[in-house]
Amino acid sequence: MRRISQEEIFLDYSGHINFHIKKELISALRKKIDDYAGELNIKRRCSYVFEELLANTHEYYKKRALENETIHATLILADKSDVLIRISNTLLKSDTQDVISNFNTLNTGKASELRKLFQINLTRENKATTGSGLGLITVKLKTGHSYFIELTEKNETQNIFLLKTTIDLNL
């Protein structure tokens, strides 16, 4: 078992995303975390949050026919109590306002409101119009941390969307 340094990168990936790459990234993360499992009980929590965020990006790319776009995903162990997850991906400018609105709802909603939103989204017939994904709601409820989002212009029709969240390892 290794000692944790001040800041250590658990995983850093840039490239395309599909089902198989997503599985490989989760597997690589679990293997990397195994070195710390005795010191920190983080394997399931980190894997779950990372997988949900990757799945969200993957599904967005599939729905918007952006399969040729890439992502950049980084997990950083900031200290013995926090893991920072950053995922950046392409976001169509036409979706920007809805995405910002959904994350504002997630960030400002109380736990009871988010659980209600989860139930509403779960029972909707048309899953394509549910707004904030069930996984994003669950991650927010489980981590208790807000999402940080940042947009940078990529071209006339697309932005680069950066999503950050933190996992508290002392829960």
Protein backbone atom coordinates (compact mmCIF):
# COMPACT_ATOMS: atom_id res chain seq x y z
CA MET A 1 0.00 0.00 0.00
CA ARG A 2 1.33 3.43 -0.99
CA ARG A 3 1.26 6.65 0.98
CA ILE A 4 -0.71 9.48 -0.52
CA SER A 5 1.25 12.50 -1.59
CA GLN A 6 -0.09 16.04 -1.34
CA GLU A 7 -1.76 15.79 -4.75
CA GLU A 8 -1.80 12.79 -7.02
CA ILE A 9 -3.45 12.20 -10.38
CA PHE A 10 -5.47 8.98 -10.28
CA LEU A 11 -6.48 9.11 -13.91
CA ASP A 12 -5.97 11.46 -16.85
CA TYR A 13 -7.56 10.66 -20.21
CA SER A 14 -8.07 12.59 -23.43
CA GLY A 15 -9.78 10.99 -26.40
CA HIS A 16 -12.97 9.57 -27.78
CA ILE A 17 -15.62 8.04 -25.55
CA ASN A 18 -17.71 4.95 -26.23
CA PHE A 19 -19.03 2.05 -24.19
CA HIS A 20 -15.77 0.06 -24.37
CA ILE A 21 -13.52 3.02 -23.55
CA LYS A 22 -15.81 3.91 -20.65
CA LYS A 23 -15.42 0.36 -19.27
CA GLU A 24 -11.62 0.52 -19.71
CA LEU A 25 -11.42 3.87 -17.90
CA ILE A 26 -13.49 2.58 -14.97
CA SER A 27 -11.31 -0.54 -14.80
CA ALA A 28 -8.12 1.54 -14.89
CA LEU A 29 -9.46 3.78 -12.13
CA ARG A 30 -10.37 0.81 -9.92
CA LYS A 31 -6.91 -0.71 -10.43
CA LYS A 32 -5.22 2.58 -9.53
CA ILE A 33 -7.41 3.00 -6.46
CA ASP A 34 -6.64 -0.56 -5.30
CA ASP A 35 -3.24 0.73 -4.16
CA TYR A 36 -5.05 2.93 -1.63
CA ALA A 37 -7.98 0.73 -0.65
CA GLY A 38 -6.45 -0.20 2.69
CA GLU A 39 -5.85 3.42 3.62
CA LEU A 40 -9.04 4.89 2.15
CA ASN A 41 -12.38 3.32 1.39
CA ILE A 42 -12.83 5.17 -1.89
CA LYS A 43 -13.06 2.59 -4.66
CA ARG A 44 -16.85 2.38 -4.95
CA ARG A 45 -17.54 6.05 -4.39
CA CYS A 46 -15.00 7.27 -6.95
CA SER A 47 -15.93 4.61 -9.49
CA TYR A 48 -19.64 5.36 -9.19
CA VAL A 49 -19.32 9.13 -9.56
CA PHE A 50 -16.81 8.87 -12.39
CA GLU A 51 -18.93 6.31 -14.23
CA GLU A 52 -22.06 8.48 -13.93
CA LEU A 53 -20.27 11.54 -15.27
CA LEU A 54 -18.74 9.58 -18.15
CA ALA A 55 -22.13 8.03 -18.95
CA ASN A 56 -23.73 11.47 -19.00
CA THR A 57 -21.18 12.70 -21.55
CA HIS A 58 -21.38 9.51 -23.60
CA GLU A 59 -25.19 9.68 -23.77
CA TYR A 60 -25.11 13.37 -24.71
CA TYR A 61 -22.70 12.64 -27.56
CA LYS A 62 -24.91 9.78 -28.81
CA LYS A 63 -28.12 11.88 -28.69
CA ARG A 64 -26.48 14.78 -30.52
CA ALA A 65 -24.52 12.68 -33.05
CA LEU A 66 -21.19 13.93 -31.65
CA GLU A 67 -19.48 10.55 -31.47
CA ASN A 68 -16.35 11.92 -33.16
CA GLU A 69 -15.84 14.51 -30.43
CA THR A 70 -13.41 13.88 -27.58
CA ILE A 71 -13.42 14.31 -23.82
CA HIS A 72 -10.79 15.08 -21.23
CA ALA A 73 -11.29 13.38 -17.87
CA THR A 74 -9.08 13.80 -14.81
CA LEU A 75 -9.36 12.46 -11.26
CA ILE A 76 -7.05 14.06 -8.74
CA LEU A 77 -6.57 13.01 -5.15
CA ALA A 78 -6.25 16.47 -3.64
CA ASP A 79 -5.42 15.29 -0.14
CA LYS A 80 -6.44 12.44 2.12
CA SER A 81 -10.05 13.58 2.17
CA ASP A 82 -11.02 14.80 -1.31
CA VAL A 83 -10.98 13.61 -4.90
CA LEU A 84 -11.57 16.19 -7.61
CA ILE A 85 -13.18 15.01 -10.85
CA ARG A 86 -12.98 17.13 -13.99
CA ILE A 87 -14.58 16.19 -17.29
CA SER A 88 -14.62 18.45 -20.31
CA ASN A 89 -16.55 17.79 -23.47
CA THR A 90 -18.11 19.48 -26.46
CA LEU A 91 -21.48 21.13 -25.88
CA LEU A 92 -23.64 22.47 -28.66
CA LYS A 93 -24.36 26.17 -28.16
CA SER A 94 -28.03 25.46 -28.79
CA ASP A 95 -28.04 23.30 -25.61
CA THR A 96 -26.06 25.70 -23.42
CA GLN A 97 -28.94 27.51 -21.68
CA ASP A 98 -30.75 24.26 -20.83
CA VAL A 99 -27.57 22.68 -19.47
CA ILE A 100 -26.77 25.73 -17.33
CA SER A 101 -30.34 25.78 -16.04
CA ASN A 102 -30.20 22.07 -15.15
CA PHE A 103 -26.94 22.47 -13.23
CA ASN A 104 -28.26 25.56 -11.44
CA THR A 105 -31.25 23.47 -10.34
CA LEU A 106 -28.93 20.73 -9.10
CA ASN A 107 -26.64 23.16 -7.29
CA THR A 108 -29.35 25.19 -5.57
CA GLY A 109 -31.88 22.46 -4.83
CA LYS A 110 -32.28 21.10 -1.33
CA ALA A 111 -31.95 17.35 -0.86
CA SER A 112 -35.73 16.95 -0.57
CA GLU A 113 -36.28 18.91 -3.80
CA LEU A 114 -33.65 16.83 -5.61
CA ARG A 115 -35.26 13.58 -4.44
CA LYS A 116 -38.60 14.88 -5.74
CA LEU A 117 -36.96 15.84 -9.07
CA PHE A 118 -35.45 12.36 -9.23
CA GLN A 119 -38.91 10.77 -8.79
CA ILE A 120 -40.44 13.06 -11.43
CA ASN A 121 -37.69 12.21 -13.93
CA LEU A 122 -37.95 8.53 -13.11
CA THR A 123 -41.66 8.40 -13.92
CA ARG A 124 -41.56 10.47 -17.13
CA GLU A 125 -42.46 8.51 -20.21
CA ASN A 126 -40.18 10.43 -22.57
CA LYS A 127 -36.72 10.00 -21.08
CA ALA A 128 -35.22 12.27 -23.76
CA THR A 129 -36.85 15.32 -22.18
CA THR A 130 -36.16 14.69 -18.51
CA GLY A 131 -33.65 17.52 -18.06
CA SER A 132 -31.08 16.76 -15.39
CA GLY A 133 -30.13 13.11 -15.66
CA LEU A 134 -30.95 10.71 -12.86
CA GLY A 135 -27.23 9.96 -12.42
CA LEU A 136 -26.36 13.65 -11.99
CA ILE A 137 -29.07 14.01 -9.35
CA THR A 138 -27.84 10.89 -7.53
CA VAL A 139 -24.22 12.08 -7.61
CA LYS A 140 -25.25 15.43 -6.13
CA LEU A 141 -27.26 13.71 -3.40
CA LYS A 142 -24.46 11.23 -2.59
CA THR A 143 -21.55 13.68 -2.63
CA GLY A 144 -23.31 16.73 -1.21
CA HIS A 145 -21.03 18.91 -3.34
CA SER A 146 -22.13 21.36 -5.98
CA TYR A 147 -21.09 21.07 -9.58
CA PHE A 148 -18.79 23.73 -10.96
CA ILE A 149 -19.27 24.44 -14.65
CA GLU A 150 -17.25 26.53 -17.06
CA LEU A 151 -17.84 27.25 -20.74
CA THR A 152 -15.22 28.19 -23.32
CA GLU A 153 -16.05 28.91 -26.95
CA LYS A 154 -14.81 26.23 -29.33
CA ASN A 155 -16.32 27.50 -32.61
CA GLU A 156 -19.51 29.10 -33.97
CA THR A 157 -21.78 26.22 -32.93
CA GLN A 158 -19.96 24.56 -30.02
CA ASN A 159 -18.54 25.29 -26.59
CA ILE A 160 -16.15 23.31 -24.44
CA PHE A 161 -18.06 22.40 -21.29
CA LEU A 162 -15.96 21.76 -18.16
CA LEU A 163 -17.66 20.02 -15.24
CA LYS A 164 -15.99 19.68 -11.86
CA THR A 165 -17.17 18.05 -8.68
CA THR A 166 -15.56 16.84 -5.48
CA ILE A 167 -15.92 13.57 -3.60
CA ASP A 168 -15.47 13.83 0.15
CA LEU A 169 -13.73 10.64 1.23
CA ASN A 170 -14.58 11.08 4.90
CA LEU A 171 -18.33 10.49 4.52
